[in-house]
N, C-alpha and C. Protein backbone atom coordinates (compact mmCIF):
# COMPACT_ATOMS: atom_id res chain seq x y z
N UNK A 1 133.30 94.05 117.07
CA UNK A 1 132.56 94.99 116.28
C UNK A 1 131.22 94.44 115.84
N UNK A 2 131.19 93.15 115.49
CA UNK A 2 129.93 92.57 115.06
C UNK A 2 128.90 92.60 116.17
N UNK A 3 129.32 92.38 117.39
CA UNK A 3 128.36 92.38 118.49
C UNK A 3 127.82 93.79 118.75
N UNK A 4 128.64 94.81 118.58
CA UNK A 4 128.18 96.19 118.76
C UNK A 4 127.18 96.53 117.65
N UNK A 5 127.50 96.18 116.40
CA UNK A 5 126.58 96.44 115.28
C UNK A 5 125.26 95.70 115.49
N UNK A 6 125.35 94.47 115.95
CA UNK A 6 124.13 93.69 116.20
C UNK A 6 123.30 94.32 117.30
N UNK A 7 123.99 94.81 118.36
CA UNK A 7 123.27 95.46 119.45
C UNK A 7 122.59 96.75 118.99
N UNK A 8 123.28 97.52 118.18
CA UNK A 8 122.70 98.78 117.68
C UNK A 8 121.50 98.48 116.80
N UNK A 9 121.64 97.53 115.88
CA UNK A 9 120.52 97.17 114.99
C UNK A 9 119.35 96.62 115.79
N UNK A 10 119.63 95.80 116.79
CA UNK A 10 118.57 95.24 117.63
C UNK A 10 117.86 96.32 118.42
N UNK A 11 118.61 97.30 118.92
CA UNK A 11 118.03 98.40 119.68
C UNK A 11 117.15 99.27 118.78
N UNK A 12 117.60 99.54 117.56
CA UNK A 12 116.81 100.34 116.62
C UNK A 12 115.51 99.63 116.25
N UNK A 13 115.61 98.33 116.04
CA UNK A 13 114.41 97.56 115.70
C UNK A 13 113.41 97.59 116.85
N UNK A 14 113.91 97.42 118.07
CA UNK A 14 113.04 97.43 119.24
C UNK A 14 112.39 98.80 119.42
N UNK A 15 113.17 99.86 119.19
CA UNK A 15 112.61 101.21 119.29
C UNK A 15 111.55 101.44 118.22
N UNK A 16 111.81 100.96 117.02
CA UNK A 16 110.84 101.10 115.93
C UNK A 16 109.53 100.40 116.25
N UNK A 17 109.63 99.20 116.82
CA UNK A 17 108.42 98.46 117.20
C UNK A 17 107.67 99.21 118.29
N UNK A 18 108.40 99.75 119.27
CA UNK A 18 107.76 100.48 120.37
C UNK A 18 107.08 101.74 119.85
N UNK A 19 107.74 102.48 118.97
CA UNK A 19 107.15 103.71 118.40
C UNK A 19 105.90 103.37 117.60
N UNK A 20 105.95 102.31 116.80
CA UNK A 20 104.78 101.92 116.01
C UNK A 20 103.62 101.53 116.90
N UNK A 21 103.89 100.79 117.97
CA UNK A 21 102.82 100.37 118.88
C UNK A 21 102.20 101.56 119.60
N UNK A 22 103.05 102.49 120.06
CA UNK A 22 102.52 103.67 120.74
C UNK A 22 101.76 104.58 119.79
N UNK A 23 102.22 104.69 118.55
CA UNK A 23 101.51 105.50 117.56
C UNK A 23 100.13 104.93 117.27
N UNK A 24 100.06 103.62 117.11
CA UNK A 24 98.77 102.97 116.85
C UNK A 24 97.82 103.17 118.02
N UNK A 25 98.34 103.08 119.24
CA UNK A 25 97.50 103.29 120.43
C UNK A 25 97.00 104.73 120.49
N UNK A 26 97.86 105.69 120.19
CA UNK A 26 97.46 107.10 120.22
C UNK A 26 96.40 107.39 119.17
N UNK A 27 96.54 106.84 117.99
CA UNK A 27 95.53 107.04 116.94
C UNK A 27 94.21 106.43 117.37
N UNK A 28 94.26 105.25 117.95
CA UNK A 28 93.04 104.59 118.42
C UNK A 28 92.32 105.38 119.49
N UNK A 29 93.07 106.04 120.37
CA UNK A 29 92.45 106.84 121.43
C UNK A 29 91.92 108.17 120.90
N UNK A 30 92.60 108.74 119.93
CA UNK A 30 92.20 110.05 119.41
C UNK A 30 91.05 109.97 118.42
N UNK A 31 90.86 108.85 117.76
CA UNK A 31 89.82 108.71 116.75
C UNK A 31 88.54 108.21 117.39
N UNK A 32 87.46 108.99 117.32
CA UNK A 32 86.20 108.52 117.91
C UNK A 32 85.62 107.37 117.09
N UNK A 33 84.89 106.53 117.77
CA UNK A 33 84.23 105.42 117.08
C UNK A 33 83.12 105.98 116.20
N UNK A 34 83.04 105.49 115.00
CA UNK A 34 82.01 105.94 114.08
C UNK A 34 80.72 105.18 114.33
N UNK A 35 79.62 105.86 114.14
CA UNK A 35 78.33 105.21 114.32
C UNK A 35 77.39 105.70 113.23
N UNK A 36 76.45 104.85 112.87
CA UNK A 36 75.49 105.21 111.82
C UNK A 36 74.07 104.96 112.32
N UNK A 37 73.18 105.88 112.02
CA UNK A 37 71.78 105.78 112.42
C UNK A 37 70.90 106.21 111.25
N UNK A 38 69.63 105.89 111.33
CA UNK A 38 68.68 106.37 110.33
C UNK A 38 67.32 106.56 110.96
N UNK A 39 66.50 107.36 110.29
CA UNK A 39 65.12 107.54 110.73
C UNK A 39 64.39 106.21 110.57
N UNK A 40 63.48 105.93 111.45
CA UNK A 40 62.74 104.67 111.36
C UNK A 40 61.63 104.73 110.32
N UNK A 41 61.19 105.93 109.96
CA UNK A 41 60.08 106.10 109.03
C UNK A 41 60.55 106.65 107.70
N UNK A 42 59.98 106.11 106.62
CA UNK A 42 60.24 106.63 105.28
C UNK A 42 59.18 107.67 104.97
N UNK A 43 59.56 108.81 104.39
CA UNK A 43 58.62 109.86 103.98
C UNK A 43 58.67 109.96 102.47
N UNK A 44 57.64 109.52 101.80
CA UNK A 44 57.61 109.56 100.34
C UNK A 44 58.72 108.77 99.70
N UNK A 45 59.16 107.69 100.36
CA UNK A 45 60.24 106.87 99.83
C UNK A 45 61.63 107.33 100.22
N UNK A 46 61.73 108.31 101.12
CA UNK A 46 63.04 108.85 101.52
C UNK A 46 63.12 108.97 103.04
N UNK A 47 64.34 108.99 103.55
CA UNK A 47 64.56 109.21 104.98
C UNK A 47 65.97 109.71 105.22
N UNK A 48 66.24 110.13 106.45
CA UNK A 48 67.54 110.68 106.80
C UNK A 48 68.46 109.65 107.43
N UNK A 49 69.72 109.78 107.13
CA UNK A 49 70.78 108.98 107.75
C UNK A 49 71.79 109.94 108.35
N UNK A 50 72.43 109.54 109.45
CA UNK A 50 73.49 110.36 110.00
C UNK A 50 74.57 109.48 110.62
N UNK A 51 75.75 110.04 110.63
CA UNK A 51 76.94 109.35 111.11
C UNK A 51 77.55 110.21 112.22
N UNK A 52 78.81 110.17 112.46
CA UNK A 52 79.42 110.92 113.55
C UNK A 52 79.25 112.42 113.37
N UNK A 53 79.61 112.94 112.22
CA UNK A 53 79.50 114.39 111.98
C UNK A 53 78.71 114.72 110.72
N UNK A 54 78.33 113.73 109.93
CA UNK A 54 77.68 113.99 108.64
C UNK A 54 76.30 113.36 108.56
N UNK A 55 75.42 114.01 107.80
CA UNK A 55 74.09 113.48 107.57
C UNK A 55 73.77 113.51 106.09
N UNK A 56 72.76 112.74 105.71
CA UNK A 56 72.35 112.74 104.30
C UNK A 56 70.89 112.34 104.18
N UNK A 57 70.28 112.80 103.11
CA UNK A 57 68.95 112.37 102.74
C UNK A 57 69.09 111.28 101.69
N UNK A 58 68.36 110.20 101.86
CA UNK A 58 68.47 109.07 100.94
C UNK A 58 67.08 108.61 100.52
N UNK A 59 66.92 108.30 99.25
CA UNK A 59 65.65 107.79 98.74
C UNK A 59 65.84 106.37 98.22
N UNK A 60 64.87 105.54 98.52
CA UNK A 60 64.85 104.18 97.98
C UNK A 60 63.99 104.15 96.72
N UNK A 61 62.88 104.87 96.77
CA UNK A 61 61.96 104.97 95.64
C UNK A 61 61.07 106.19 95.90
N UNK A 62 61.59 107.36 95.56
CA UNK A 62 60.85 108.60 95.85
C UNK A 62 59.50 108.60 95.15
N UNK A 63 58.48 108.97 95.88
CA UNK A 63 57.11 108.98 95.33
C UNK A 63 56.45 110.32 95.58
N UNK A 64 55.80 110.82 94.56
CA UNK A 64 55.05 112.05 94.64
C UNK A 64 53.60 111.74 94.26
N UNK A 65 52.64 112.38 94.91
CA UNK A 65 51.24 112.13 94.55
C UNK A 65 50.91 112.57 93.12
N UNK A 66 51.71 113.46 92.56
CA UNK A 66 51.47 113.92 91.18
C UNK A 66 52.68 113.56 90.33
N UNK A 67 52.65 113.90 89.09
CA UNK A 67 53.76 113.62 88.18
C UNK A 67 54.93 114.58 88.40
N UNK A 68 54.69 115.65 89.15
CA UNK A 68 55.75 116.63 89.38
C UNK A 68 56.76 116.08 90.41
N UNK A 69 57.98 116.65 90.42
CA UNK A 69 58.98 116.19 91.39
C UNK A 69 58.53 116.42 92.83
N UNK A 70 58.94 115.53 93.71
CA UNK A 70 58.64 115.64 95.15
C UNK A 70 59.61 116.64 95.77
N UNK A 71 59.10 117.48 96.66
CA UNK A 71 59.95 118.42 97.40
C UNK A 71 60.07 117.92 98.83
N UNK A 72 61.32 117.80 99.29
CA UNK A 72 61.59 117.35 100.65
C UNK A 72 62.26 118.46 101.44
N UNK A 73 61.92 118.54 102.71
CA UNK A 73 62.62 119.41 103.65
C UNK A 73 63.52 118.50 104.47
N UNK A 74 64.80 118.75 104.42
CA UNK A 74 65.74 117.94 105.19
C UNK A 74 66.38 118.82 106.26
N UNK A 75 66.36 118.34 107.50
CA UNK A 75 66.89 119.08 108.64
C UNK A 75 68.06 118.32 109.23
N UNK A 76 69.18 119.01 109.40
CA UNK A 76 70.38 118.45 110.03
C UNK A 76 70.49 119.05 111.43
N UNK A 77 70.33 118.23 112.45
CA UNK A 77 70.38 118.67 113.84
C UNK A 77 71.82 118.56 114.34
N UNK A 78 72.54 119.68 114.33
CA UNK A 78 73.94 119.71 114.74
C UNK A 78 74.06 120.01 116.23
N UNK A 79 75.11 119.50 116.84
CA UNK A 79 75.41 119.75 118.24
C UNK A 79 76.39 120.94 118.29
N UNK A 80 76.16 121.90 119.17
CA UNK A 80 77.03 123.06 119.38
C UNK A 80 77.06 124.05 118.22
N UNK A 81 76.13 123.97 117.29
CA UNK A 81 76.06 124.94 116.21
C UNK A 81 74.64 124.99 115.67
N UNK A 82 74.35 125.97 114.84
CA UNK A 82 73.01 126.11 114.30
C UNK A 82 72.66 124.95 113.39
N UNK A 83 71.42 124.50 113.49
CA UNK A 83 70.94 123.44 112.61
C UNK A 83 70.82 123.96 111.19
N UNK A 84 70.84 123.06 110.25
CA UNK A 84 70.74 123.43 108.83
C UNK A 84 69.49 122.81 108.24
N UNK A 85 68.72 123.58 107.47
CA UNK A 85 67.54 123.07 106.76
C UNK A 85 67.67 123.39 105.28
N UNK A 86 67.25 122.43 104.45
CA UNK A 86 67.30 122.63 103.00
C UNK A 86 66.06 122.03 102.36
N UNK A 87 65.62 122.65 101.27
CA UNK A 87 64.57 122.08 100.43
C UNK A 87 65.23 121.46 99.21
N UNK A 88 64.84 120.25 98.86
CA UNK A 88 65.39 119.57 97.70
C UNK A 88 64.27 118.94 96.88
N UNK A 89 64.42 119.00 95.56
CA UNK A 89 63.46 118.38 94.64
C UNK A 89 64.03 117.05 94.16
N UNK A 90 63.20 116.03 94.16
CA UNK A 90 63.61 114.69 93.72
C UNK A 90 62.55 114.15 92.77
N UNK A 91 62.97 113.58 91.66
CA UNK A 91 62.02 113.01 90.69
C UNK A 91 61.44 111.69 91.21
N UNK A 92 60.25 111.38 90.73
CA UNK A 92 59.61 110.11 91.09
C UNK A 92 60.52 108.93 90.74
N UNK A 93 60.59 107.98 91.64
CA UNK A 93 61.39 106.78 91.41
C UNK A 93 62.87 106.94 91.69
N UNK A 94 63.29 108.15 92.14
CA UNK A 94 64.72 108.38 92.40
C UNK A 94 65.24 107.45 93.48
N UNK A 95 66.45 106.92 93.27
CA UNK A 95 67.15 106.08 94.25
C UNK A 95 68.53 106.66 94.45
N UNK A 96 68.90 106.93 95.69
CA UNK A 96 70.24 107.43 96.00
C UNK A 96 70.21 108.58 96.97
N UNK A 97 71.38 109.16 97.20
CA UNK A 97 71.53 110.30 98.11
C UNK A 97 71.13 111.58 97.37
N UNK A 98 70.25 112.37 97.98
CA UNK A 98 69.83 113.60 97.32
C UNK A 98 70.35 114.86 98.01
N UNK A 99 70.94 114.73 99.18
CA UNK A 99 71.54 115.88 99.85
C UNK A 99 72.42 115.37 100.98
N UNK A 100 73.42 116.16 101.34
CA UNK A 100 74.26 115.82 102.48
C UNK A 100 74.79 117.10 103.11
N UNK A 101 75.15 117.00 104.37
CA UNK A 101 75.67 118.14 105.12
C UNK A 101 76.57 117.62 106.22
N UNK A 102 77.59 118.39 106.58
CA UNK A 102 78.49 117.97 107.65
C UNK A 102 78.52 119.02 108.75
N UNK A 103 78.26 118.57 109.98
CA UNK A 103 78.35 119.43 111.15
C UNK A 103 79.82 119.46 111.60
N UNK A 104 80.22 120.53 112.24
CA UNK A 104 81.61 120.67 112.65
C UNK A 104 82.00 119.69 113.75
N UNK A 105 81.15 119.53 114.76
CA UNK A 105 81.52 118.72 115.92
C UNK A 105 80.80 117.37 115.95
N UNK A 106 79.48 117.40 115.89
CA UNK A 106 78.69 116.18 116.02
C UNK A 106 77.32 116.44 115.42
N UNK A 107 76.73 115.41 114.85
CA UNK A 107 75.36 115.53 114.38
C UNK A 107 74.48 114.65 115.26
N UNK A 108 73.34 115.19 115.65
CA UNK A 108 72.42 114.45 116.52
C UNK A 108 71.42 113.64 115.71
N UNK A 109 70.98 114.17 114.57
CA UNK A 109 70.00 113.46 113.74
C UNK A 109 69.82 114.19 112.42
N UNK A 110 69.19 113.49 111.48
CA UNK A 110 68.81 114.05 110.20
C UNK A 110 67.37 113.64 109.93
N UNK A 111 66.50 114.61 109.64
CA UNK A 111 65.09 114.34 109.42
C UNK A 111 64.68 114.77 108.02
N UNK A 112 63.91 113.92 107.36
CA UNK A 112 63.38 114.21 106.03
C UNK A 112 61.86 114.27 106.14
N UNK A 113 61.27 115.33 105.62
CA UNK A 113 59.81 115.46 105.59
C UNK A 113 59.39 115.78 104.16
N UNK A 114 58.27 115.20 103.76
CA UNK A 114 57.80 115.50 102.41
C UNK A 114 56.70 116.52 102.45
């Protein structure tokens, strides 16, 4: 009886290891590799960043020629769907993300213009 119990437990453990390995492989194949890009040029202290499906406008030190808030036009270039454009106001000296958008399938780029 002990040998049968040991065989059953050993078989279950081996099956569990096999299922875990196959599950990890399936997840690895189904999950696309993530990538991050950004515009090479800063516009008024801000620029666009984009990842696999999401984009964002980011400012390091937003600058406006006047004391009034800077207005940026941010464009999200989506693949297989309509692009999205938004106007956003950012105060002088702002640091951080000021807008974000997610495309359904893939984003090609994010552009910020002042």
